[in-house]
Amino acid sequence: EVQLVESGGGLVQPGGSLSVSCAASGFPFSSSVMNWARRAPGKSLEWVCESWPDGTTYYAHSMKGRFTVSRDNAKNTMYLQMNALNPEDTADYYCVYGLDYWGQGTQVTVSE
């Protein structure tokens, strides 16, 4: 059974940093393309970034230079380091495998 469990969300001030994690199980994580996506309150789902097994990464334009995705294949875990956060980054962040498998999400709130 595929399982994706996000953690690490919370409240952070504008300009601050936060790292969220995704613990994966039930599929060959080390050879799988993984994604992060987010949904802000009242807005549609937004793709954040993609991580390939060979280390290649891709980012949405608004996150490039501020967000960094990484993975530890030995731990079956993917990370998202978010810097220079602003209130528009407030959202539920989801770990995604393929098209059908999503975690439960972790909430990130950027506010004073």
C-alpha atoms as a PDB file:
ATOM      1  CA  GLU A   1       0.000   0.000   0.000  1.00  0.00           C
ATOM      2  CA  VAL A   2       1.344   3.389  -1.008  1.00  0.00           C
ATOM      3  CA  GLN A   3       1.641   5.777   1.912  1.00  0.00           C
ATOM      4  CA  LEU A   4       2.808   9.380   1.900  1.00  0.00           C
ATOM      5  CA  VAL A   5       3.014  11.205   5.210  1.00  0.00           C
ATOM      6  CA  GLU A   6       3.905  14.884   5.306  1.00  0.00           C
ATOM      7  CA  SER A   7       5.150  16.636   8.400  1.00  0.00           C
ATOM      8  CA  GLY A   8       6.841  19.816   9.504  1.00  0.00           C
ATOM      9  CA  GLY A   9       4.257  22.449   8.694  1.00  0.00           C
ATOM     10  CA  GLY A  10       3.511  25.313  11.012  1.00  0.00           C
ATOM     11  CA  LEU A  11       3.405  29.047  11.488  1.00  0.00           C
ATOM     12  CA  VAL A  12       6.281  31.181  10.262  1.00  0.00           C
ATOM     13  CA  GLN A  13       6.758  34.913   9.935  1.00  0.00           C
ATOM     14  CA  PRO A  14       7.148  36.583   6.557  1.00  0.00           C
ATOM     15  CA  GLY A  15      10.714  36.304   5.392  1.00  0.00           C
ATOM     16  CA  GLY A  16      11.242  33.189   7.452  1.00  0.00           C
ATOM     17  CA  SER A  17      12.090  29.613   6.545  1.00  0.00           C
ATOM     18  CA  LEU A  18      10.486  26.261   7.068  1.00  0.00           C
ATOM     19  CA  SER A  19      11.204  22.705   6.007  1.00  0.00           C
ATOM     20  CA  VAL A  20       8.567  20.060   5.421  1.00  0.00           C
ATOM     21  CA  SER A  21       9.092  16.350   4.908  1.00  0.00           C
ATOM     22  CA  CYS A  22       7.371  13.478   3.170  1.00  0.00           C
ATOM     23  CA  ALA A  23       7.897   9.931   4.389  1.00  0.00           C
ATOM     24  CA  ALA A  24       7.061   7.446   1.653  1.00  0.00           C
ATOM     25  CA  SER A  25       6.400   3.728   1.693  1.00  0.00           C
ATOM     26  CA  GLY A  26       4.812   0.991  -0.386  1.00  0.00           C
ATOM     27  CA  PHE A  27       6.541   1.756  -3.693  1.00  0.00           C
ATOM     28  CA  PRO A  28      10.097   2.047  -5.064  1.00  0.00           C
ATOM     29  CA  PHE A  29      10.787   5.563  -3.824  1.00  0.00           C
ATOM     30  CA  SER A  30      14.434   5.646  -4.910  1.00  0.00           C
ATOM     31  CA  SER A  31      13.476   5.154  -8.552  1.00  0.00           C
ATOM     32  CA  SER A  32      10.355   7.309  -8.525  1.00  0.00           C
ATOM     33  CA  VAL A  33       9.651  10.836  -9.641  1.00  0.00           C
ATOM     34  CA  MET A  34       8.098  12.782  -6.776  1.00  0.00           C
ATOM     35  CA  ASN A  35       6.298  16.091  -6.643  1.00  0.00           C
ATOM     36  CA  TRP A  36       5.211  18.709  -4.158  1.00  0.00           C
ATOM     37  CA  ALA A  37       1.965  20.565  -4.727  1.00  0.00           C
ATOM     38  CA  ARG A  38       0.030  23.055  -2.648  1.00  0.00           C
ATOM     39  CA  ARG A  39      -3.438  24.445  -2.234  1.00  0.00           C
ATOM     40  CA  ALA A  40      -3.878  27.896  -0.777  1.00  0.00           C
ATOM     41  CA  PRO A  41      -7.144  28.786   0.966  1.00  0.00           C
ATOM     42  CA  GLY A  42      -9.817  29.436  -1.622  1.00  0.00           C
ATOM     43  CA  LYS A  43      -7.488  28.762  -4.541  1.00  0.00           C
ATOM     44  CA  SER A  44      -6.902  25.913  -6.929  1.00  0.00           C
ATOM     45  CA  LEU A  45      -4.167  23.333  -6.637  1.00  0.00           C
ATOM     46  CA  GLU A  46      -0.711  24.564  -7.629  1.00  0.00           C
ATOM     47  CA  TRP A  47       2.315  22.514  -8.622  1.00  0.00           C
ATOM     48  CA  VAL A  48       5.414  23.425  -6.604  1.00  0.00           C
ATOM     49  CA  CYS A  49       8.323  21.273  -7.716  1.00  0.00           C
ATOM     50  CA  GLU A  50       9.487  17.902  -8.968  1.00  0.00           C
ATOM     51  CA  SER A  51      12.309  15.609  -7.925  1.00  0.00           C
ATOM     52  CA  TRP A  52      13.754  12.934 -10.181  1.00  0.00           C
ATOM     53  CA  PRO A  53      15.709   9.910  -8.953  1.00  0.00           C
ATOM     54  CA  ASP A  54      18.892  11.178 -10.631  1.00  0.00           C
ATOM     55  CA  GLY A  55      18.729  14.413  -8.662  1.00  0.00           C
ATOM     56  CA  THR A  56      17.207  16.552 -11.368  1.00  0.00           C
ATOM     57  CA  THR A  57      14.741  19.069 -10.005  1.00  0.00           C
ATOM     58  CA  TYR A  58      12.174  21.414 -11.478  1.00  0.00           C
ATOM     59  CA  TYR A  59      10.379  24.312  -9.836  1.00  0.00           C
ATOM     60  CA  ALA A  60       7.398  26.498 -10.492  1.00  0.00           C
ATOM     61  CA  HIS A  61       8.512  29.976 -11.449  1.00  0.00           C
ATOM     62  CA  SER A  62       7.387  31.672  -8.250  1.00  0.00           C
ATOM     63  CA  MET A  63       9.249  29.161  -6.061  1.00  0.00           C
ATOM     64  CA  LYS A  64      12.503  28.980  -7.991  1.00  0.00           C
ATOM     65  CA  GLY A  65      15.365  30.359  -5.945  1.00  0.00           C
ATOM     66  CA  ARG A  66      13.370  30.235  -2.711  1.00  0.00           C
ATOM     67  CA  PHE A  67      12.384  26.576  -2.449  1.00  0.00           C
ATOM     68  CA  THR A  68      14.692  23.568  -2.593  1.00  0.00           C
ATOM     69  CA  VAL A  69      13.540  19.974  -2.937  1.00  0.00           C
ATOM     70  CA  SER A  70      15.787  17.148  -1.848  1.00  0.00           C
ATOM     71  CA  ARG A  71      15.478  13.483  -1.078  1.00  0.00           C
ATOM     72  CA  ASP A  72      17.110  10.830   1.048  1.00  0.00           C
ATOM     73  CA  ASN A  73      16.550   7.574  -0.779  1.00  0.00           C
ATOM     74  CA  ALA A  74      17.942   5.550   2.117  1.00  0.00           C
ATOM     75  CA  LYS A  75      15.183   6.945   4.319  1.00  0.00           C
ATOM     76  CA  ASN A  76      12.487   7.028   1.617  1.00  0.00           C
ATOM     77  CA  THR A  77      11.963  10.666   2.464  1.00  0.00           C
ATOM     78  CA  MET A  78      11.602  13.825   0.423  1.00  0.00           C
ATOM     79  CA  TYR A  79      12.101  17.303   1.810  1.00  0.00           C
ATOM     80  CA  LEU A  80      11.065  20.791   0.829  1.00  0.00           C
ATOM     81  CA  GLN A  81      13.124  23.645   2.220  1.00  0.00           C
ATOM     82  CA  MET A  82      11.255  26.922   1.891  1.00  0.00           C
ATOM     83  CA  ASN A  83      13.019  30.251   2.346  1.00  0.00           C
ATOM     84  CA  ALA A  84      11.950  33.871   2.054  1.00  0.00           C
ATOM     85  CA  LEU A  85       8.385  32.872   2.738  1.00  0.00           C
ATOM     86  CA  ASN A  86       5.596  35.348   2.183  1.00  0.00           C
ATOM     87  CA  PRO A  87       1.890  35.261   3.028  1.00  0.00           C
ATOM     88  CA  GLU A  88       1.093  34.052  -0.498  1.00  0.00           C
ATOM     89  CA  ASP A  89       2.925  30.827   0.368  1.00  0.00           C
ATOM     90  CA  THR A  90       0.288  30.004   2.971  1.00  0.00           C
ATOM     91  CA  ALA A  91      -1.193  26.683   1.877  1.00  0.00           C
ATOM     92  CA  ASP A  92      -1.539  22.999   2.531  1.00  0.00           C
ATOM     93  CA  TYR A  93       1.498  21.295   1.039  1.00  0.00           C
ATOM     94  CA  TYR A  94       1.142  17.837  -0.442  1.00  0.00           C
ATOM     95  CA  CYS A  95       3.606  15.144  -1.405  1.00  0.00           C
ATOM     96  CA  VAL A  96       2.597  13.431  -4.657  1.00  0.00           C
ATOM     97  CA  TYR A  97       3.588  10.150  -6.284  1.00  0.00           C
ATOM     98  CA  GLY A  98       2.352   9.624  -9.801  1.00  0.00           C
ATOM     99  CA  LEU A  99      -1.089  11.037 -10.492  1.00  0.00           C
ATOM    100  CA  ASP A 100      -3.069   9.092  -7.949  1.00  0.00           C
ATOM    101  CA  TYR A 101      -1.183   9.111  -4.680  1.00  0.00           C
ATOM    102  CA  TRP A 102      -1.247  12.097  -2.360  1.00  0.00           C
ATOM    103  CA  GLY A 103      -0.381  12.550   1.256  1.00  0.00           C
ATOM    104  CA  GLN A 104      -2.760  14.117   3.750  1.00  0.00           C
ATOM    105  CA  GLY A 105      -0.952  17.434   3.530  1.00  0.00           C
ATOM    106  CA  THR A 106       0.810  19.650   6.003  1.00  0.00           C
ATOM    107  CA  GLN A 107      -0.328  23.188   6.686  1.00  0.00           C
ATOM    108  CA  VAL A 108       2.054  26.094   6.282  1.00  0.00           C
ATOM    109  CA  THR A 109       0.940  29.506   7.469  1.00  0.00           C
ATOM    110  CA  VAL A 110       3.011  32.606   6.807  1.00  0.00           C
ATOM    111  CA  SER A 111       1.816  35.443   8.987  1.00  0.00           C
ATOM    112  CA  GLU A 112       2.862  37.998  11.556  1.00  0.00           C
END
